[in-house]
Amino acid sequence: MNQDGSKQRSIFFSPQLFCTAWSQEGSRLIFGALQPVPGTSLQYVDLFTINPDGTDLTRITTSADGETYPSISPDGLRIVYMVNFRLFVMNIDGTGAHRLDARGRTDEDPAWSPEFNN
């Protein structure tokens, strides 16, 4: 899409797509999408990344825990996200996931500081 809102186009369609966030430089989009729990009528959320042109759709989580509210770090290397109201971080490829908060419930929709440093 152009800055004035013209030339919009779809890069991915799912009626069960939500919690979207762009990388700082606009090279990746991360989003949550509902996935079926095999053998049941239940669903859970996994996280995916995709390029702005619709290529390289990558599923980066595969648990039934329900990962939501992703945010890509300013350097594009990590993702912060929520699992059952707990704060986690992982590498952009889905590896190295670990919990950040030591206490119980935290707020939703985490975000990186623009002044983030490695």
C-alpha atoms as a PDB file:
ATOM      1  CA  MET A   1       0.000   0.000   0.000  1.00  0.00           C
ATOM      2  CA  ASN A   2       1.166   3.516  -0.719  1.00  0.00           C
ATOM      3  CA  GLN A   3       1.432   6.090   2.070  1.00  0.00           C
ATOM      4  CA  ASP A   4      -1.815   7.691   0.903  1.00  0.00           C
ATOM      5  CA  GLY A   5      -3.673   4.369   1.293  1.00  0.00           C
ATOM      6  CA  SER A   6      -3.901   3.611  -2.427  1.00  0.00           C
ATOM      7  CA  LYS A   7      -2.853   0.320  -4.046  1.00  0.00           C
ATOM      8  CA  GLN A   8      -3.824  -1.904  -1.133  1.00  0.00           C
ATOM      9  CA  ARG A   9      -3.390  -5.633  -1.681  1.00  0.00           C
ATOM     10  CA  SER A  10      -3.776  -8.773   0.359  1.00  0.00           C
ATOM     11  CA  ILE A  11      -0.609 -10.700   1.225  1.00  0.00           C
ATOM     12  CA  PHE A  12      -2.281 -13.473   3.221  1.00  0.00           C
ATOM     13  CA  PHE A  13      -5.866 -14.353   4.026  1.00  0.00           C
ATOM     14  CA  SER A  14      -7.244 -16.210   6.981  1.00  0.00           C
ATOM     15  CA  PRO A  15     -10.540 -15.480   8.714  1.00  0.00           C
ATOM     16  CA  GLN A  16      -8.773 -16.521  11.928  1.00  0.00           C
ATOM     17  CA  LEU A  17      -5.830 -14.124  11.689  1.00  0.00           C
ATOM     18  CA  PHE A  18      -5.124 -11.607  14.463  1.00  0.00           C
ATOM     19  CA  CYS A  19      -2.432 -10.018  16.675  1.00  0.00           C
ATOM     20  CA  THR A  20      -0.400  -8.680  13.749  1.00  0.00           C
ATOM     21  CA  ALA A  21       2.836  -6.676  14.071  1.00  0.00           C
ATOM     22  CA  TRP A  22       5.438  -5.422  11.589  1.00  0.00           C
ATOM     23  CA  SER A  23       9.197  -5.543  12.032  1.00  0.00           C
ATOM     24  CA  GLN A  24      10.772  -2.078  12.482  1.00  0.00           C
ATOM     25  CA  GLU A  25      12.069  -1.909   8.915  1.00  0.00           C
ATOM     26  CA  GLY A  26       8.917  -3.449   7.437  1.00  0.00           C
ATOM     27  CA  SER A  27      10.585  -6.597   6.073  1.00  0.00           C
ATOM     28  CA  ARG A  28       8.473  -9.131   8.074  1.00  0.00           C
ATOM     29  CA  LEU A  29       4.960  -9.366   9.399  1.00  0.00           C
ATOM     30  CA  ILE A  30       4.224 -11.560  12.407  1.00  0.00           C
ATOM     31  CA  PHE A  31       0.723 -12.715  13.295  1.00  0.00           C
ATOM     32  CA  GLY A  32      -1.275 -15.231  15.257  1.00  0.00           C
ATOM     33  CA  ALA A  33      -3.623 -17.668  13.539  1.00  0.00           C
ATOM     34  CA  LEU A  34      -6.031 -20.193  14.992  1.00  0.00           C
ATOM     35  CA  GLN A  35      -5.030 -23.810  14.480  1.00  0.00           C
ATOM     36  CA  PRO A  36      -7.208 -26.886  15.097  1.00  0.00           C
ATOM     37  CA  VAL A  37      -6.422 -29.266  17.952  1.00  0.00           C
ATOM     38  CA  PRO A  38      -6.391 -32.683  16.225  1.00  0.00           C
ATOM     39  CA  GLY A  39      -9.309 -34.922  17.166  1.00  0.00           C
ATOM     40  CA  THR A  40     -11.278 -32.143  18.865  1.00  0.00           C
ATOM     41  CA  SER A  41     -13.351 -29.089  17.983  1.00  0.00           C
ATOM     42  CA  LEU A  42     -10.906 -26.887  19.940  1.00  0.00           C
ATOM     43  CA  GLN A  43      -8.468 -24.373  18.487  1.00  0.00           C
ATOM     44  CA  TYR A  44      -5.297 -22.647  19.683  1.00  0.00           C
ATOM     45  CA  VAL A  45      -3.098 -19.824  18.378  1.00  0.00           C
ATOM     46  CA  ASP A  46       0.289 -20.302  16.746  1.00  0.00           C
ATOM     47  CA  LEU A  47       2.577 -17.536  15.484  1.00  0.00           C
ATOM     48  CA  PHE A  48       3.643 -17.129  11.844  1.00  0.00           C
ATOM     49  CA  THR A  49       5.899 -14.732   9.924  1.00  0.00           C
ATOM     50  CA  ILE A  50       5.582 -13.690   6.282  1.00  0.00           C
ATOM     51  CA  ASN A  51       7.285 -11.266   3.882  1.00  0.00           C
ATOM     52  CA  PRO A  52       5.320  -8.199   2.733  1.00  0.00           C
ATOM     53  CA  ASP A  53       4.996  -9.688  -0.763  1.00  0.00           C
ATOM     54  CA  GLY A  54       3.317 -12.824   0.634  1.00  0.00           C
ATOM     55  CA  THR A  55       6.330 -15.128   0.286  1.00  0.00           C
ATOM     56  CA  ASP A  56       8.132 -17.166   2.948  1.00  0.00           C
ATOM     57  CA  LEU A  57       5.173 -17.970   5.202  1.00  0.00           C
ATOM     58  CA  THR A  58       6.798 -19.585   8.253  1.00  0.00           C
ATOM     59  CA  ARG A  59       5.097 -21.146  11.258  1.00  0.00           C
ATOM     60  CA  ILE A  60       7.345 -20.339  14.229  1.00  0.00           C
ATOM     61  CA  THR A  61       5.366 -21.889  17.098  1.00  0.00           C
ATOM     62  CA  THR A  62       3.681 -25.289  17.248  1.00  0.00           C
ATOM     63  CA  SER A  63       2.395 -25.658  20.800  1.00  0.00           C
ATOM     64  CA  ALA A  64      -1.210 -25.770  21.990  1.00  0.00           C
ATOM     65  CA  ASP A  65      -0.420 -23.119  24.621  1.00  0.00           C
ATOM     66  CA  GLY A  66      -1.793 -20.224  22.572  1.00  0.00           C
ATOM     67  CA  GLU A  67       0.915 -17.670  21.751  1.00  0.00           C
ATOM     68  CA  THR A  68      -0.476 -14.148  21.266  1.00  0.00           C
ATOM     69  CA  TYR A  69       0.478 -10.455  21.056  1.00  0.00           C
ATOM     70  CA  PRO A  70       3.831 -10.832  19.256  1.00  0.00           C
ATOM     71  CA  SER A  71       6.232  -7.927  18.772  1.00  0.00           C
ATOM     72  CA  ILE A  72       9.484  -8.075  16.779  1.00  0.00           C
ATOM     73  CA  SER A  73      12.555  -6.468  18.385  1.00  0.00           C
ATOM     74  CA  PRO A  74      14.009  -3.363  16.687  1.00  0.00           C
ATOM     75  CA  ASP A  75      17.033  -5.369  15.530  1.00  0.00           C
ATOM     76  CA  GLY A  76      14.695  -7.970  13.969  1.00  0.00           C
ATOM     77  CA  LEU A  77      16.289 -10.877  15.837  1.00  0.00           C
ATOM     78  CA  ARG A  78      13.779 -11.622  18.617  1.00  0.00           C
ATOM     79  CA  ILE A  79      10.077 -11.744  19.343  1.00  0.00           C
ATOM     80  CA  VAL A  80       8.352 -10.969  22.623  1.00  0.00           C
ATOM     81  CA  TYR A  81       4.892 -12.506  23.050  1.00  0.00           C
ATOM     82  CA  MET A  82       2.340 -13.736  25.567  1.00  0.00           C
ATOM     83  CA  VAL A  83       1.344 -17.273  26.581  1.00  0.00           C
ATOM     84  CA  ASN A  84      -1.550 -17.494  29.033  1.00  0.00           C
ATOM     85  CA  PHE A  85      -0.824 -13.963  30.311  1.00  0.00           C
ATOM     86  CA  ARG A  86       2.864 -14.723  30.817  1.00  0.00           C
ATOM     87  CA  LEU A  87       5.675 -12.931  28.993  1.00  0.00           C
ATOM     88  CA  PHE A  88       8.050 -14.902  26.731  1.00  0.00           C
ATOM     89  CA  VAL A  89      10.838 -14.090  24.274  1.00  0.00           C
ATOM     90  CA  MET A  90      12.308 -16.188  21.440  1.00  0.00           C
ATOM     91  CA  ASN A  91      14.498 -15.847  18.389  1.00  0.00           C
ATOM     92  CA  ILE A  92      12.815 -14.724  15.153  1.00  0.00           C
ATOM     93  CA  ASP A  93      13.015 -18.314  13.828  1.00  0.00           C
ATOM     94  CA  GLY A  94      11.078 -19.673  16.839  1.00  0.00           C
ATOM     95  CA  THR A  95      14.053 -21.159  18.690  1.00  0.00           C
ATOM     96  CA  GLY A  96      15.285 -20.315  22.184  1.00  0.00           C
ATOM     97  CA  ALA A  97      11.896 -19.549  23.719  1.00  0.00           C
ATOM     98  CA  HIS A  98      11.949 -18.741  27.427  1.00  0.00           C
ATOM     99  CA  ARG A  99       9.754 -17.033  29.971  1.00  0.00           C
ATOM    100  CA  LEU A 100      10.733 -13.519  31.080  1.00  0.00           C
ATOM    101  CA  ASP A 101       8.420 -12.802  33.982  1.00  0.00           C
ATOM    102  CA  ALA A 102       8.969 -14.635  37.250  1.00  0.00           C
ATOM    103  CA  ARG A 103       5.622 -13.807  38.796  1.00  0.00           C
ATOM    104  CA  GLY A 104       2.074 -14.639  37.799  1.00  0.00           C
ATOM    105  CA  ARG A 105      -0.131 -12.756  35.403  1.00  0.00           C
ATOM    106  CA  THR A 106       1.272  -9.821  33.410  1.00  0.00           C
ATOM    107  CA  ASP A 107      -0.276  -7.278  31.074  1.00  0.00           C
ATOM    108  CA  GLU A 108      -1.120  -8.032  27.451  1.00  0.00           C
ATOM    109  CA  ASP A 109       0.334  -6.654  24.228  1.00  0.00           C
ATOM    110  CA  PRO A 110       4.072  -6.353  25.027  1.00  0.00           C
ATOM    111  CA  ALA A 111       6.239  -4.036  22.929  1.00  0.00           C
ATOM    112  CA  TRP A 112       9.934  -3.250  22.537  1.00  0.00           C
ATOM    113  CA  SER A 113      11.418   0.095  23.462  1.00  0.00           C
ATOM    114  CA  PRO A 114      12.622   2.102  20.432  1.00  0.00           C
ATOM    115  CA  GLU A 115      15.908   2.614  22.329  1.00  0.00           C
ATOM    116  CA  PHE A 116      16.461  -1.168  22.576  1.00  0.00           C
ATOM    117  CA  ASN A 117      20.129  -2.172  22.654  1.00  0.00           C
ATOM    118  CA  ASN A 118      21.588  -5.696  22.467  1.00  0.00           C
END
